[in-house]
């Protein structure tokens, strides 16, 4: 089942951004909308994403992964993020 997930990090230590991108590229589609926040369109569940991302984390780093109901939303984001959210995924 394809779904939107939100992934947010709190990095205490520098991370390998190339390796992070390689992992995120396993999603069908993704967008970074804030320095440490991503929305993914994926067929994998949060457990699978946790397993993928956990090796990047060091002591005092945090990650939060959750299913995102994109239909219940409100806020202020750059136009390119709204375009990404609203694009046809059928």
N, C-alpha and C. Protein backbone atom coordinates (compact mmCIF):
# COMPACT_ATOMS: atom_id res chain seq x y z
N UNK A 1 0.83 -1.18 0.00
CA UNK A 1 0.00 0.00 0.00
C UNK A 1 0.88 1.25 0.00
N UNK A 2 0.66 2.12 -0.95
CA UNK A 2 1.41 3.36 -1.01
C UNK A 2 0.83 4.36 -0.02
N UNK A 3 1.73 5.11 0.61
CA UNK A 3 1.30 6.06 1.63
C UNK A 3 2.32 7.18 1.76
N UNK A 4 1.88 8.26 2.40
CA UNK A 4 2.79 9.34 2.76
C UNK A 4 3.33 9.06 4.16
N UNK A 5 4.61 9.29 4.33
CA UNK A 5 5.24 9.23 5.65
C UNK A 5 5.96 10.54 5.90
N UNK A 6 6.02 10.92 7.16
CA UNK A 6 6.83 12.06 7.56
C UNK A 6 8.05 11.51 8.29
N UNK A 7 9.21 12.07 7.98
CA UNK A 7 10.44 11.71 8.68
C UNK A 7 11.10 13.00 9.15
N UNK A 8 11.33 13.09 10.45
CA UNK A 8 12.00 14.24 11.02
C UNK A 8 13.21 13.79 11.84
N UNK A 9 14.28 14.53 11.69
CA UNK A 9 15.52 14.21 12.41
C UNK A 9 15.89 15.35 13.34
N UNK A 10 16.64 15.01 14.36
CA UNK A 10 17.36 15.96 15.18
C UNK A 10 18.78 15.42 15.23
N UNK A 11 19.65 16.06 14.50
CA UNK A 11 21.04 15.60 14.41
C UNK A 11 21.88 16.29 15.46
N UNK A 12 22.45 15.53 16.36
CA UNK A 12 23.43 16.05 17.30
C UNK A 12 24.82 16.00 16.67
N UNK A 13 24.98 15.04 15.76
CA UNK A 13 26.25 14.81 15.07
C UNK A 13 26.04 14.97 13.57
N UNK A 14 27.08 15.36 12.85
CA UNK A 14 26.94 15.44 11.38
C UNK A 14 26.60 14.08 10.81
N UNK A 15 25.78 14.07 9.77
CA UNK A 15 25.45 12.81 9.11
C UNK A 15 25.98 12.82 7.69
N UNK A 16 26.09 11.67 7.11
CA UNK A 16 26.55 11.52 5.73
C UNK A 16 25.36 11.81 4.81
N UNK A 17 25.29 13.03 4.29
CA UNK A 17 24.14 13.43 3.48
C UNK A 17 24.02 12.62 2.19
N UNK A 18 25.13 12.17 1.65
CA UNK A 18 25.07 11.33 0.45
C UNK A 18 24.40 9.99 0.76
N UNK A 19 24.77 9.41 1.89
CA UNK A 19 24.18 8.13 2.32
C UNK A 19 22.70 8.30 2.65
N UNK A 20 22.35 9.42 3.29
CA UNK A 20 20.95 9.70 3.59
C UNK A 20 20.14 9.80 2.31
N UNK A 21 20.66 10.51 1.31
CA UNK A 21 19.96 10.63 0.03
C UNK A 21 19.78 9.27 -0.63
N UNK A 22 20.79 8.43 -0.57
CA UNK A 22 20.69 7.09 -1.15
C UNK A 22 19.55 6.30 -0.49
N UNK A 23 19.40 6.46 0.81
CA UNK A 23 18.33 5.76 1.52
C UNK A 23 16.97 6.36 1.13
N UNK A 24 16.87 7.68 1.15
CA UNK A 24 15.60 8.33 0.80
C UNK A 24 15.18 8.02 -0.63
N UNK A 25 16.14 7.83 -1.51
CA UNK A 25 15.84 7.49 -2.90
C UNK A 25 15.17 6.13 -3.05
N UNK A 26 15.10 5.35 -1.98
CA UNK A 26 14.36 4.09 -2.02
C UNK A 26 12.85 4.32 -2.00
N UNK A 27 12.43 5.54 -1.64
CA UNK A 27 11.02 5.90 -1.71
C UNK A 27 10.62 6.10 -3.17
N UNK A 28 9.34 6.01 -3.45
CA UNK A 28 8.84 6.28 -4.79
C UNK A 28 9.11 7.74 -5.14
N UNK A 29 8.90 8.61 -4.15
CA UNK A 29 9.11 10.05 -4.31
C UNK A 29 9.30 10.64 -2.93
N UNK A 30 10.02 11.74 -2.83
CA UNK A 30 10.20 12.41 -1.55
C UNK A 30 10.50 13.88 -1.78
N UNK A 31 10.27 14.65 -0.71
CA UNK A 31 10.60 16.07 -0.75
C UNK A 31 11.11 16.48 0.62
N UNK A 32 12.12 17.33 0.61
CA UNK A 32 12.64 17.92 1.85
C UNK A 32 12.01 19.30 1.95
N UNK A 33 11.25 19.55 3.02
CA UNK A 33 10.55 20.82 3.12
C UNK A 33 11.09 21.72 4.23
N UNK A 34 11.99 21.20 5.03
CA UNK A 34 12.64 21.98 6.09
C UNK A 34 14.01 21.34 6.33
N UNK A 35 14.89 22.01 7.06
CA UNK A 35 16.26 21.49 7.19
C UNK A 35 16.37 20.01 7.57
N UNK A 36 15.51 19.51 8.44
CA UNK A 36 15.62 18.12 8.88
C UNK A 36 14.29 17.38 8.77
N UNK A 37 13.44 17.78 7.81
CA UNK A 37 12.11 17.18 7.66
C UNK A 37 11.83 16.81 6.21
N UNK A 38 11.32 15.58 6.04
CA UNK A 38 11.00 15.06 4.72
C UNK A 38 9.59 14.48 4.72
N UNK A 39 8.95 14.54 3.55
CA UNK A 39 7.71 13.80 3.29
C UNK A 39 8.05 12.80 2.21
N UNK A 40 7.67 11.55 2.43
CA UNK A 40 7.93 10.49 1.47
C UNK A 40 6.62 9.94 0.93
N UNK A 41 6.61 9.56 -0.34
CA UNK A 41 5.56 8.77 -0.96
C UNK A 41 6.19 7.40 -1.15
N UNK A 42 5.67 6.39 -0.46
CA UNK A 42 6.38 5.12 -0.37
C UNK A 42 5.42 3.94 -0.25
N UNK A 43 5.90 2.79 -0.60
CA UNK A 43 5.15 1.55 -0.37
C UNK A 43 5.68 0.81 0.86
N UNK A 44 6.68 1.38 1.51
CA UNK A 44 7.26 0.77 2.72
C UNK A 44 6.66 1.40 3.97
N UNK A 45 6.58 0.60 5.04
CA UNK A 45 5.99 1.10 6.29
C UNK A 45 7.07 1.75 7.17
N UNK A 46 6.65 2.42 8.26
CA UNK A 46 7.62 3.07 9.14
C UNK A 46 8.68 2.11 9.70
N UNK A 47 8.33 0.86 9.96
CA UNK A 47 9.31 -0.10 10.45
C UNK A 47 10.44 -0.32 9.45
N UNK A 48 10.08 -0.43 8.19
CA UNK A 48 11.08 -0.62 7.14
C UNK A 48 12.00 0.61 7.05
N UNK A 49 11.39 1.81 7.13
CA UNK A 49 12.20 3.04 7.07
C UNK A 49 13.10 3.15 8.29
N UNK A 50 12.61 2.76 9.46
CA UNK A 50 13.43 2.76 10.66
C UNK A 50 14.66 1.87 10.46
N UNK A 51 14.45 0.68 9.92
CA UNK A 51 15.57 -0.24 9.69
C UNK A 51 16.59 0.36 8.71
N UNK A 52 16.10 1.08 7.73
CA UNK A 52 16.99 1.70 6.75
C UNK A 52 17.79 2.86 7.36
N UNK A 53 17.13 3.66 8.18
CA UNK A 53 17.74 4.89 8.70
C UNK A 53 18.55 4.70 9.97
N UNK A 54 18.22 3.70 10.75
CA UNK A 54 18.88 3.49 12.05
C UNK A 54 20.40 3.46 11.96
N UNK A 55 21.01 2.82 10.93
CA UNK A 55 22.47 2.80 10.86
C UNK A 55 23.12 4.18 10.73
N UNK A 56 22.37 5.18 10.29
CA UNK A 56 22.93 6.53 10.16
C UNK A 56 23.01 7.26 11.50
N UNK A 57 22.22 6.82 12.47
CA UNK A 57 22.12 7.55 13.73
C UNK A 57 23.30 7.27 14.64
N UNK A 58 23.74 8.34 15.27
CA UNK A 58 24.81 8.23 16.26
C UNK A 58 24.22 8.62 17.62
N UNK A 59 25.04 8.53 18.65
CA UNK A 59 24.58 8.88 20.00
C UNK A 59 23.99 10.29 20.02
N UNK A 60 22.83 10.41 20.61
CA UNK A 60 22.09 11.66 20.79
C UNK A 60 21.41 12.17 19.52
N UNK A 61 21.43 11.40 18.42
CA UNK A 61 20.63 11.72 17.22
C UNK A 61 19.24 11.14 17.43
N UNK A 62 18.24 11.78 16.84
CA UNK A 62 16.86 11.31 16.94
C UNK A 62 16.22 11.28 15.57
N UNK A 63 15.26 10.38 15.40
CA UNK A 63 14.44 10.36 14.19
C UNK A 63 13.02 10.00 14.60
N UNK A 64 12.05 10.63 13.93
CA UNK A 64 10.64 10.34 14.14
C UNK A 64 10.03 10.04 12.78
N UNK A 65 9.37 8.89 12.66
CA UNK A 65 8.77 8.44 11.41
C UNK A 65 7.30 8.15 11.69
N UNK A 66 6.40 8.71 10.89
CA UNK A 66 4.98 8.44 11.10
C UNK A 66 4.22 8.53 9.78
N UNK A 67 3.11 7.81 9.74
CA UNK A 67 2.20 7.91 8.61
C UNK A 67 1.61 9.31 8.61
N UNK A 68 1.42 9.86 7.43
CA UNK A 68 0.95 11.23 7.29
C UNK A 68 -0.35 11.24 6.49
N UNK A 69 -1.41 11.74 7.10
CA UNK A 69 -2.68 11.90 6.39
C UNK A 69 -2.64 13.26 5.69
N UNK A 70 -2.26 13.24 4.45
CA UNK A 70 -2.05 14.45 3.66
C UNK A 70 -3.36 15.18 3.36
N UNK A 71 -4.50 14.49 3.55
CA UNK A 71 -5.80 15.11 3.28
C UNK A 71 -6.27 16.01 4.42
N UNK A 72 -5.69 15.84 5.60
CA UNK A 72 -6.02 16.68 6.74
C UNK A 72 -4.79 17.55 6.98
N UNK A 73 -4.85 18.78 6.51
CA UNK A 73 -3.64 19.60 6.54
C UNK A 73 -3.98 21.08 6.56
N UNK A 74 -3.02 21.86 7.00
CA UNK A 74 -3.10 23.31 6.99
C UNK A 74 -1.71 23.83 7.27
N UNK A 75 -1.38 24.96 6.71
CA UNK A 75 -0.08 25.53 7.02
C UNK A 75 0.44 26.42 5.92
N UNK A 76 1.66 26.85 6.11
CA UNK A 76 2.33 27.74 5.18
C UNK A 76 3.63 27.06 4.75
N UNK A 77 3.71 26.73 3.49
CA UNK A 77 4.89 26.09 2.91
C UNK A 77 5.19 26.77 1.58
N UNK A 78 6.42 26.65 1.08
CA UNK A 78 6.71 27.18 -0.25
C UNK A 78 5.82 26.51 -1.30
N UNK A 79 5.53 27.24 -2.36
CA UNK A 79 4.63 26.75 -3.41
C UNK A 79 5.09 25.41 -3.99
N UNK A 80 6.41 25.21 -4.15
CA UNK A 80 6.90 23.95 -4.73
C UNK A 80 6.54 22.75 -3.86
N UNK A 81 6.42 22.94 -2.54
CA UNK A 81 6.04 21.83 -1.66
C UNK A 81 4.57 21.50 -1.86
N UNK A 82 3.71 22.53 -1.94
CA UNK A 82 2.28 22.28 -2.20
C UNK A 82 2.09 21.61 -3.55
N UNK A 83 2.85 22.01 -4.55
CA UNK A 83 2.76 21.36 -5.87
C UNK A 83 3.15 19.89 -5.76
N UNK A 84 4.20 19.58 -5.01
CA UNK A 84 4.62 18.20 -4.83
C UNK A 84 3.53 17.41 -4.11
N UNK A 85 2.97 17.98 -3.05
CA UNK A 85 1.90 17.29 -2.29
C UNK A 85 0.70 17.02 -3.18
N UNK A 86 0.33 17.96 -4.01
CA UNK A 86 -0.89 17.87 -4.80
C UNK A 86 -0.73 17.16 -6.14
N UNK A 87 0.47 16.74 -6.52
CA UNK A 87 0.62 16.13 -7.84
C UNK A 87 -0.08 14.79 -7.92
N UNK A 88 -0.47 14.44 -9.14
CA UNK A 88 -1.21 13.20 -9.41
C UNK A 88 -0.32 11.99 -9.16
N UNK A 89 -0.76 11.09 -8.33
CA UNK A 89 0.01 9.88 -8.02
C UNK A 89 -0.75 8.62 -8.42
N UNK A 90 -1.72 8.77 -9.31
CA UNK A 90 -2.51 7.58 -9.71
C UNK A 90 -1.78 6.73 -10.73
